[in-house]
């Protein structure tokens, strides 16, 4: 059975669910490696000030690129539901409309980002060479923003097309290209922070072009490009469906800026660099939750559209068990591997390494909880309830985490910064649980 392709319409056991989601998990991990590898090479070959510059710019680029997740997850939920209802022709036309709209918006946002990059760096306290390096890094990534949005968008559509392994292969190729180019541009040619940005941009371009080529030419994909349907109501539904993913990424970017601001005030550039290392590790760990949610989302949407209530119940129960077990394993792994992981990034500076290690051990407690909140929000996106999904994301990040990162340092200093995520995720878990329990009967998943 391991060689048999898994379809959205199948009955999902634990093993089948994990197998279907695994390519998406690996895909998200490889995408996370983009920024991690940049940070690794920049820190070791360009220094901690360059690393701080990367960390100041990255939240803006991440926020703008999150439009791709909105169109991808929201669009895949709508397209998979349409397939579940038996209308494949409309599904292909909706898919094509969403792909065109997402790419066009990416071009517009690239110009917006270039206009606000300088003032944003100044507002965060960057001056002199720190600001210059931030501008060099940011302008290159913003030029590649349409490719980044396309890559983020097509991840979900590979899953809805029942071809997650193709999506994984594309992402691996782009990730390997990024790593090789990082080494060439930074370690060999000495291009520093600009080399890191260029390597990331070229990796994103490779992924975007490969995805377009696949959906334009494949004869076996469940989804293919067709003449886009002029259905702007469906486009609006896509944006509402995916608004939680947009909210998650935008709010996370805002929160990252607040973290950077607080740490700049408390510990200077070293504090920003320490937070950057913690975020690199966090990207990889939480990529597992995001990948699982993304990989299982179209399955939930399909069975919801087909009104398979018993299958929905099984999917929900199995997913919650897997998320809980993964969170516990991640927390244990984070405590065991904290020292070596920090050493790889900033082992050259003992004082910075000690600060980073202490902060990471506190921050990692959130892994026990955050998976439930990430999955809960994505689950309602899959059910085409974008409003509840967005509310969970909005409260989790923009309200709870923003409040804690601003208030806790007043009492606990720098430890308040590291602890903010724990308190925020705990508050969000209460809200997520309330929605999951309160809406279980109308949707029939429990």
Protein backbone atom coordinates (compact mmCIF):
# COMPACT_ATOMS: atom_id res chain seq x y z
CA UNK A 1 0.00 0.00 0.00
CA UNK A 2 2.94 2.34 0.59
CA UNK A 3 3.40 2.78 -3.17
CA UNK A 4 -0.29 3.48 -3.90
CA UNK A 5 -1.13 7.14 -4.45
CA UNK A 6 -3.33 8.60 -1.71
CA UNK A 7 -6.43 10.44 -2.88
CA UNK A 8 -8.47 13.12 -1.10
CA UNK A 9 -11.48 10.81 -1.19
CA UNK A 10 -9.71 7.96 0.67
CA UNK A 11 -10.39 6.80 4.22
CA UNK A 12 -7.50 8.10 6.37
CA UNK A 13 -5.84 6.01 9.06
CA UNK A 14 -3.06 7.48 11.22
CA UNK A 15 -0.45 6.12 8.85
CA UNK A 16 -2.20 7.33 5.71
CA UNK A 17 -2.73 10.79 7.23
CA UNK A 18 0.94 11.11 8.16
CA UNK A 19 2.06 9.84 4.75
CA UNK A 20 -0.15 12.34 2.95
CA UNK A 21 0.97 15.26 5.13
CA UNK A 22 4.67 14.34 5.20
CA UNK A 23 5.61 15.97 1.88
CA UNK A 24 3.97 19.21 3.03
CA UNK A 25 5.82 19.07 6.34
CA UNK A 26 9.11 18.51 4.55
CA UNK A 27 8.22 21.30 2.11
CA UNK A 28 7.64 23.80 4.92
CA UNK A 29 10.87 22.75 6.62
CA UNK A 30 12.85 23.33 3.43
CA UNK A 31 11.26 26.74 2.97
CA UNK A 32 12.23 27.58 6.54
CA UNK A 33 15.77 26.55 5.70
CA UNK A 34 15.95 29.48 3.26
CA UNK A 35 16.09 32.01 6.07
CA UNK A 36 17.99 29.69 8.41
CA UNK A 37 20.80 29.12 5.92
CA UNK A 38 20.96 32.85 5.20
CA UNK A 39 21.34 33.52 8.92
CA UNK A 40 23.93 30.78 9.36
CA UNK A 41 26.19 32.05 6.58
CA UNK A 42 25.65 35.73 7.38
CA UNK A 43 26.42 35.23 11.08
CA UNK A 44 29.58 33.20 10.52
CA UNK A 45 30.98 35.04 7.49
CA UNK A 46 29.61 38.61 7.76
CA UNK A 47 29.29 39.04 11.54
CA UNK A 48 26.62 39.68 14.15
CA UNK A 49 25.74 43.19 12.94
CA UNK A 50 24.86 41.77 9.52
CA UNK A 51 22.81 39.10 11.28
CA UNK A 52 20.95 41.81 13.19
CA UNK A 53 20.27 43.63 9.89
CA UNK A 54 18.76 40.47 8.39
CA UNK A 55 16.52 40.08 11.44
CA UNK A 56 15.30 43.67 11.20
CA UNK A 57 14.34 43.34 7.52
CA UNK A 58 12.93 39.82 7.46
CA UNK A 59 9.59 40.56 9.23
CA UNK A 60 8.60 43.05 6.50
CA UNK A 61 9.41 40.63 3.69
CA UNK A 62 7.62 37.82 5.54
CA UNK A 63 4.50 39.94 6.02
CA UNK A 64 4.28 40.88 2.34
CA UNK A 65 5.02 37.32 1.20
CA UNK A 66 2.23 35.98 3.40
CA UNK A 67 -0.25 37.03 0.69
CA UNK A 68 0.86 33.83 -1.03
CA UNK A 69 -0.28 31.75 1.95
CA UNK A 70 -3.62 33.57 1.93
CA UNK A 71 -4.29 32.81 -1.73
CA UNK A 72 -2.86 29.30 -1.41
CA UNK A 73 -4.63 28.00 1.70
CA UNK A 74 -7.86 29.91 1.09
CA UNK A 75 -7.89 29.00 -2.58
CA UNK A 76 -7.03 25.34 -2.02
CA UNK A 77 -9.88 25.05 0.51
CA UNK A 78 -12.35 26.46 -2.02
CA UNK A 79 -10.96 24.45 -4.94
CA UNK A 80 -10.88 21.17 -2.98
CA UNK A 81 -14.45 21.76 -1.77
CA UNK A 82 -15.48 22.37 -5.39
CA UNK A 83 -13.83 19.09 -6.41
CA UNK A 84 -15.64 17.33 -3.57
CA UNK A 85 -18.88 18.67 -5.01
CA UNK A 86 -17.97 17.05 -8.35
CA UNK A 87 -17.24 20.15 -10.51
CA UNK A 88 -13.67 19.64 -11.79
CA UNK A 89 -13.95 22.16 -14.65
CA UNK A 90 -14.90 24.99 -12.28
CA UNK A 91 -12.15 23.90 -9.89
CA UNK A 92 -9.49 24.37 -12.60
CA UNK A 93 -10.86 27.75 -13.64
CA UNK A 94 -10.97 28.98 -10.03
CA UNK A 95 -7.42 27.73 -9.48
CA UNK A 96 -6.21 29.69 -12.50
CA UNK A 97 -7.98 32.87 -11.39
CA UNK A 98 -6.42 32.67 -7.93
CA UNK A 99 -2.93 32.04 -9.36
CA UNK A 100 -3.11 35.09 -11.64
CA UNK A 101 -4.52 37.36 -8.91
CA UNK A 102 -1.87 36.32 -6.37
CA UNK A 103 0.99 36.93 -8.78
CA UNK A 104 -0.32 40.34 -9.84
CA UNK A 105 -0.71 41.47 -6.24
CA UNK A 106 2.87 40.33 -5.55
CA UNK A 107 4.18 42.79 -8.15
CA UNK A 108 2.26 45.65 -6.52
CA UNK A 109 3.42 44.76 -3.01
CA UNK A 110 7.07 44.63 -4.11
CA UNK A 111 6.85 48.33 -4.95
CA UNK A 112 5.08 49.14 -1.67
CA UNK A 113 7.74 47.30 0.32
CA UNK A 114 10.59 49.14 -1.41
CA UNK A 115 8.98 52.44 -0.50
CA UNK A 116 8.63 51.76 3.23
CA UNK A 117 11.82 49.78 3.89
CA UNK A 118 14.05 52.76 4.75
CA UNK A 119 11.62 54.52 7.12
CA UNK A 120 10.88 51.19 8.83
CA UNK A 121 14.55 50.50 9.55
CA UNK A 122 14.95 53.99 11.03
CA UNK A 123 11.85 53.49 13.22
CA UNK A 124 13.38 50.28 14.60
CA UNK A 125 16.54 52.13 15.56
CA UNK A 126 18.84 51.05 12.73
CA UNK A 127 21.50 53.62 11.88
CA UNK A 128 24.77 53.79 9.96
CA UNK A 129 26.10 50.49 8.64
CA UNK A 130 23.28 48.53 10.28
CA UNK A 131 20.74 50.45 8.18
CA UNK A 132 22.89 50.21 5.03
CA UNK A 133 23.12 46.43 5.33
CA UNK A 134 19.38 46.19 5.96
CA UNK A 135 18.66 48.15 2.78
CA UNK A 136 21.04 46.01 0.72
CA UNK A 137 19.37 42.82 1.94
CA UNK A 138 15.79 44.10 1.74
CA UNK A 139 15.78 45.60 -1.75
CA UNK A 140 16.96 42.34 -3.33
CA UNK A 141 14.36 40.24 -1.50
CA UNK A 142 11.61 42.71 -2.38
CA UNK A 143 12.54 42.51 -6.06
CA UNK A 144 11.93 38.74 -5.83
CA UNK A 145 8.69 39.11 -3.83
CA UNK A 146 6.37 37.98 -6.68
CA UNK A 147 8.34 34.72 -6.88
CA UNK A 148 8.11 34.29 -3.12
CA UNK A 149 4.33 34.77 -3.20
CA UNK A 150 3.98 32.30 -6.07
CA UNK A 151 6.04 29.72 -4.21
CA UNK A 152 3.95 30.11 -1.05
CA UNK A 153 0.72 29.97 -3.04
CA UNK A 154 1.48 26.88 -5.10
CA UNK A 155 2.45 24.81 -2.03
CA UNK A 156 -1.22 24.34 -1.14
CA UNK A 157 -2.29 23.75 -4.73
CA UNK A 158 0.19 20.89 -5.14
CA UNK A 159 -1.64 19.21 -2.25
CA UNK A 160 -5.11 19.92 -3.65
CA UNK A 161 -3.90 18.48 -6.97
CA UNK A 162 -2.99 15.25 -5.09
CA UNK A 163 0.66 15.78 -6.05
CA UNK A 164 2.32 16.76 -2.74
CA UNK A 165 5.49 14.84 -3.66
CA UNK A 166 5.97 17.02 -6.74
CA UNK A 167 5.63 20.09 -4.53
CA UNK A 168 8.21 18.62 -2.18
CA UNK A 169 10.62 17.94 -5.04
CA UNK A 170 10.30 21.52 -6.29
CA UNK A 171 10.92 22.90 -2.81
CA UNK A 172 13.92 20.64 -2.21
CA UNK A 173 15.46 21.74 -5.51
CA UNK A 174 14.95 25.39 -4.60
CA UNK A 175 16.32 24.81 -1.09
CA UNK A 176 19.44 23.04 -2.33
CA UNK A 177 20.01 25.82 -4.86
CA UNK A 178 19.72 28.37 -2.08
CA UNK A 179 22.25 26.56 0.10
CA UNK A 180 24.77 26.13 -2.72
CA UNK A 181 24.41 29.75 -3.81
CA UNK A 182 24.74 30.97 -0.21
CA UNK A 183 28.06 29.17 0.04
CA UNK A 184 29.20 30.49 -3.34
CA UNK A 185 28.08 34.10 -2.88
CA UNK A 186 28.96 34.56 0.80
CA UNK A 187 31.77 32.14 1.70
CA UNK A 188 33.60 32.03 -1.66
CA UNK A 189 32.89 35.36 -3.37
CA UNK A 190 32.50 37.40 -0.17
CA UNK A 191 29.36 39.24 -1.22
CA UNK A 192 28.10 39.31 2.36
CA UNK A 193 24.51 40.19 3.12
CA UNK A 194 23.69 41.00 -0.52
CA UNK A 195 24.87 37.52 -1.50
CA UNK A 196 22.52 35.97 1.05
CA UNK A 197 19.57 37.90 -0.37
CA UNK A 198 20.46 37.03 -3.95
CA UNK A 199 20.76 33.31 -3.11
CA UNK A 200 17.31 33.33 -1.51
CA UNK A 201 15.79 35.27 -4.41
CA UNK A 202 17.14 32.84 -7.02
CA UNK A 203 15.88 29.85 -5.02
CA UNK A 204 12.40 31.37 -4.86
CA UNK A 205 12.45 32.10 -8.60
CA UNK A 206 13.38 28.48 -9.34
CA UNK A 207 10.47 27.18 -7.25
CA UNK A 208 7.96 29.57 -8.85
CA UNK A 209 9.00 28.82 -12.43
CA UNK A 210 8.98 25.06 -11.82
CA UNK A 211 5.46 25.22 -10.31
CA UNK A 212 4.09 27.20 -13.25
CA UNK A 213 5.68 24.77 -15.71
CA UNK A 214 4.12 21.79 -13.90
CA UNK A 215 0.56 23.12 -13.80
CA UNK A 216 0.81 24.33 -17.41
CA UNK A 217 2.05 21.05 -18.87
CA UNK A 218 1.12 18.13 -16.59
CA UNK A 219 -1.32 15.58 -18.02
CA UNK A 220 -1.79 13.71 -14.73
CA UNK A 221 -2.34 16.51 -12.19
CA UNK A 222 -5.80 16.82 -10.63
CA UNK A 223 -5.45 20.58 -11.17
CA UNK A 224 -4.30 22.28 -14.36
CA UNK A 225 -4.25 25.82 -15.70
CA UNK A 226 -7.38 26.72 -17.66
CA UNK A 227 -9.07 29.93 -18.77
CA UNK A 228 -9.64 31.84 -15.52
CA UNK A 229 -13.24 32.35 -14.50
CA UNK A 230 -14.22 35.97 -13.85
CA UNK A 231 -15.71 35.12 -10.47
CA UNK A 232 -14.68 37.90 -8.11
CA UNK A 233 -17.04 36.63 -5.44
CA UNK A 234 -15.04 33.40 -5.37
CA UNK A 235 -11.84 35.46 -5.21
CA UNK A 236 -13.25 37.30 -2.22
CA UNK A 237 -14.18 33.98 -0.63
CA UNK A 238 -10.60 32.84 -1.17
CA UNK A 239 -9.25 35.88 0.62
CA UNK A 240 -11.68 35.42 3.53
CA UNK A 241 -10.84 31.71 3.75
CA UNK A 242 -7.12 32.43 3.77
CA UNK A 243 -7.28 35.55 5.89
CA UNK A 244 -6.24 33.60 8.98
CA UNK A 245 -2.98 32.55 7.32
CA UNK A 246 -2.43 36.14 6.19
CA UNK A 247 -3.25 37.37 9.68
CA UNK A 248 -0.89 34.85 11.23
CA UNK A 249 2.05 35.91 9.09
CA UNK A 250 1.38 39.66 9.21
CA UNK A 251 0.81 39.61 12.95
CA UNK A 252 3.92 37.47 13.43
CA UNK A 253 5.86 40.09 11.50
CA UNK A 254 4.49 42.91 13.64
CA UNK A 255 5.30 40.93 16.78
CA UNK A 256 8.83 40.26 15.49
CA UNK A 257 9.32 43.99 15.00
CA UNK A 258 8.17 44.58 18.58
CA UNK A 259 10.56 41.89 19.83
CA UNK A 260 13.37 43.57 17.90
CA UNK A 261 12.43 46.99 19.26
CA UNK A 262 12.27 45.77 22.87
CA UNK A 263 15.53 43.85 22.59
CA UNK A 264 17.27 46.78 20.90
CA UNK A 265 16.27 48.91 23.90
CA UNK A 266 17.27 46.28 26.49
CA UNK A 267 20.33 44.58 24.98
CA UNK A 268 21.22 46.39 21.75
CA UNK A 269 22.17 44.62 18.53
CA UNK A 270 23.21 41.50 20.49
CA UNK A 271 19.63 41.10 21.72
CA UNK A 272 18.31 41.35 18.15
CA UNK A 273 20.88 38.80 16.97
CA UNK A 274 19.93 36.42 19.81
CA UNK A 275 16.25 36.67 18.91
CA UNK A 276 17.13 36.01 15.28
CA UNK A 277 18.81 32.72 16.16
CA UNK A 278 15.82 31.68 18.27
CA UNK A 279 13.52 32.50 15.36
CA UNK A 280 15.58 30.43 12.93
CA UNK A 281 15.18 27.35 15.13
CA UNK A 282 11.53 28.22 15.76
CA UNK A 283 10.88 28.40 12.00
CA UNK A 284 12.00 24.81 11.55
CA UNK A 285 10.16 23.44 14.57
CA UNK A 286 6.83 25.17 13.85
CA UNK A 287 7.17 24.31 10.15
CA UNK A 288 6.12 20.81 11.19
CA UNK A 289 2.80 22.12 12.53
CA UNK A 290 2.21 24.42 9.58
CA UNK A 291 3.13 21.66 7.12
CA UNK A 292 0.79 19.17 8.78
CA UNK A 293 -2.05 21.70 8.80
CA UNK A 294 -1.42 22.59 5.17
CA UNK A 295 -1.14 18.94 4.12
CA UNK A 296 -4.34 17.83 5.81
CA UNK A 297 -6.40 20.94 5.00
CA UNK A 298 -7.53 19.90 1.49
CA UNK A 299 -8.49 16.47 2.86
CA UNK A 300 -10.76 18.10 5.45
CA UNK A 301 -12.19 20.44 2.78
CA UNK A 302 -12.92 17.56 0.40
CA UNK A 303 -14.76 15.44 2.96
CA UNK A 304 -16.61 18.49 4.26
CA UNK A 305 -17.76 19.28 0.72
CA UNK A 306 -18.76 15.64 0.21
CA UNK A 307 -20.57 15.61 3.61
CA UNK A 308 -18.61 12.59 4.89
CA UNK A 309 -19.26 13.28 8.58
CA UNK A 310 -17.68 10.09 9.96
CA UNK A 311 -14.49 10.70 8.02
CA UNK A 312 -14.39 14.28 9.34
CA UNK A 313 -14.66 12.98 12.90
CA UNK A 314 -11.78 10.59 12.34
CA UNK A 315 -9.60 13.24 10.72
CA UNK A 316 -10.15 15.67 13.58
CA UNK A 317 -9.46 13.13 16.33
CA UNK A 318 -6.35 11.71 14.69
CA UNK A 319 -4.98 15.17 13.93
CA UNK A 320 -5.34 16.36 17.52
CA UNK A 321 -3.52 13.27 18.82
CA UNK A 322 -0.69 13.74 16.31
CA UNK A 323 -0.36 17.46 17.06
CA UNK A 324 -0.21 16.87 20.82
CA UNK A 325 2.39 14.12 20.55
CA UNK A 326 4.52 16.17 18.17
CA UNK A 327 4.46 19.17 20.50
CA UNK A 328 5.74 17.11 23.42
CA UNK A 329 8.50 15.59 21.27
CA UNK A 330 9.52 19.04 20.00
CA UNK A 331 9.81 20.45 23.50
CA UNK A 332 12.03 17.57 24.59
CA UNK A 333 14.18 17.87 21.47
CA UNK A 334 14.52 21.63 21.87
CA UNK A 335 15.90 21.27 25.40
CA UNK A 336 18.36 18.54 24.38
CA UNK A 337 19.58 20.26 21.20
CA UNK A 338 19.55 23.89 22.39
CA UNK A 339 23.29 24.05 23.08
CA UNK A 340 24.50 22.62 19.75
CA UNK A 341 21.96 24.65 17.73
CA UNK A 342 22.98 27.93 19.34
CA UNK A 343 26.65 27.06 18.94
CA UNK A 344 26.28 26.60 15.19
CA UNK A 345 25.02 30.17 14.79
CA UNK A 346 26.87 32.25 17.38
CA UNK A 347 29.45 29.96 18.94
CA UNK A 348 32.13 32.50 18.01
CA UNK A 349 30.78 34.92 20.68
CA UNK A 350 30.44 33.27 24.15
CA UNK A 351 28.46 36.13 25.68
CA UNK A 352 25.96 36.23 22.81
CA UNK A 353 25.72 32.44 22.83
CA UNK A 354 24.90 32.40 26.55
CA UNK A 355 22.15 35.00 26.11
CA UNK A 356 20.69 33.09 23.16
CA UNK A 357 20.76 29.73 24.93
CA UNK A 358 19.01 31.09 28.01
CA UNK A 359 16.33 32.76 25.91
CA UNK A 360 15.74 29.71 23.74
CA UNK A 361 15.22 27.34 26.67
CA UNK A 362 12.45 29.62 27.95
CA UNK A 363 10.91 30.31 24.53
CA UNK A 364 10.77 26.60 23.63
CA UNK A 365 8.14 25.86 26.32
CA UNK A 366 5.61 27.27 23.83
CA UNK A 367 6.12 24.22 21.57
CA UNK A 368 3.91 22.26 23.99
CA UNK A 369 0.92 24.46 23.14
CA UNK A 370 1.34 26.28 19.83
CA UNK A 371 0.57 23.28 17.59
CA UNK A 372 -3.03 23.13 18.78
CA UNK A 373 -3.54 26.80 17.96
CA UNK A 374 -1.90 26.54 14.54
CA UNK A 375 -3.94 23.46 13.62
CA UNK A 376 -7.18 24.87 15.08
CA UNK A 377 -6.97 27.97 12.91
CA UNK A 378 -6.10 25.95 9.78
CA UNK A 379 -8.91 23.47 10.51
CA UNK A 380 -11.53 26.21 10.28
CA UNK A 381 -9.93 27.49 7.07
CA UNK A 382 -10.36 23.98 5.66
CA UNK A 383 -14.02 24.07 6.71
CA UNK A 384 -14.32 27.32 4.72
CA UNK A 385 -14.98 29.31 7.90
CA UNK A 386 -12.43 32.03 7.35
CA UNK A 387 -13.89 34.32 9.99
CA UNK A 388 -13.32 31.99 12.95
CA UNK A 389 -9.92 31.00 11.58
CA UNK A 390 -8.89 34.65 11.24
CA UNK A 391 -10.16 35.50 14.72
CA UNK A 392 -8.04 32.76 16.28
CA UNK A 393 -4.98 33.99 14.39
CA UNK A 394 -5.68 37.63 15.13
CA UNK A 395 -6.10 37.08 18.86
CA UNK A 396 -3.19 34.63 19.10
CA UNK A 397 -0.60 36.91 17.59
CA UNK A 398 -1.69 40.49 17.19
CA UNK A 399 -3.53 40.73 20.52
CA UNK A 400 -2.10 38.19 22.96
CA UNK A 401 1.54 38.18 21.85
CA UNK A 402 1.71 41.91 21.19
CA UNK A 403 0.35 42.59 24.67
CA UNK A 404 2.68 40.17 26.42
CA UNK A 405 5.84 41.28 24.62
CA UNK A 406 5.13 44.90 25.57
CA UNK A 407 4.02 44.29 29.17
CA UNK A 408 6.07 41.38 30.55
CA UNK A 409 9.50 43.05 30.07
CA UNK A 410 8.33 45.82 32.42
CA UNK A 411 8.24 43.23 35.20
CA UNK A 412 10.82 40.62 34.18
CA UNK A 413 13.20 42.51 31.89
CA UNK A 414 14.69 40.44 29.08
CA UNK A 415 13.18 37.23 30.50
CA UNK A 416 9.79 38.86 29.97
CA UNK A 417 10.61 39.08 26.25
CA UNK A 418 11.47 35.37 26.09
CA UNK A 419 8.37 34.39 28.14
CA UNK A 420 5.87 36.44 26.13
CA UNK A 421 5.21 33.66 23.62
CA UNK A 422 4.34 31.15 26.37
CA UNK A 423 1.67 33.33 27.96
CA UNK A 424 0.27 34.33 24.55
CA UNK A 425 -0.04 30.72 23.33
CA UNK A 426 -1.71 29.67 26.59
CA UNK A 427 -4.32 32.41 26.19
CA UNK A 428 -4.85 31.45 22.54
CA UNK A 429 -5.36 27.79 23.50
CA UNK A 430 -8.34 28.76 25.67
CA UNK A 431 -9.90 30.61 22.71
CA UNK A 432 -9.15 27.83 20.21
CA UNK A 433 -10.62 25.18 22.49
CA UNK A 434 -13.78 27.25 22.95
CA UNK A 435 -14.33 27.41 19.17
CA UNK A 436 -13.50 23.74 18.58
CA UNK A 437 -15.95 22.66 21.27
CA UNK A 438 -18.66 25.20 20.43
CA UNK A 439 -18.76 24.47 16.68
CA UNK A 440 -18.33 20.70 16.77
CA UNK A 441 -22.05 19.92 16.21
CA UNK A 442 -22.78 22.31 13.29
CA UNK A 443 -19.81 20.94 11.32
CA UNK A 444 -20.10 17.37 12.61
CA UNK A 445 -16.40 16.73 13.25
CA UNK A 446 -16.82 15.56 16.86
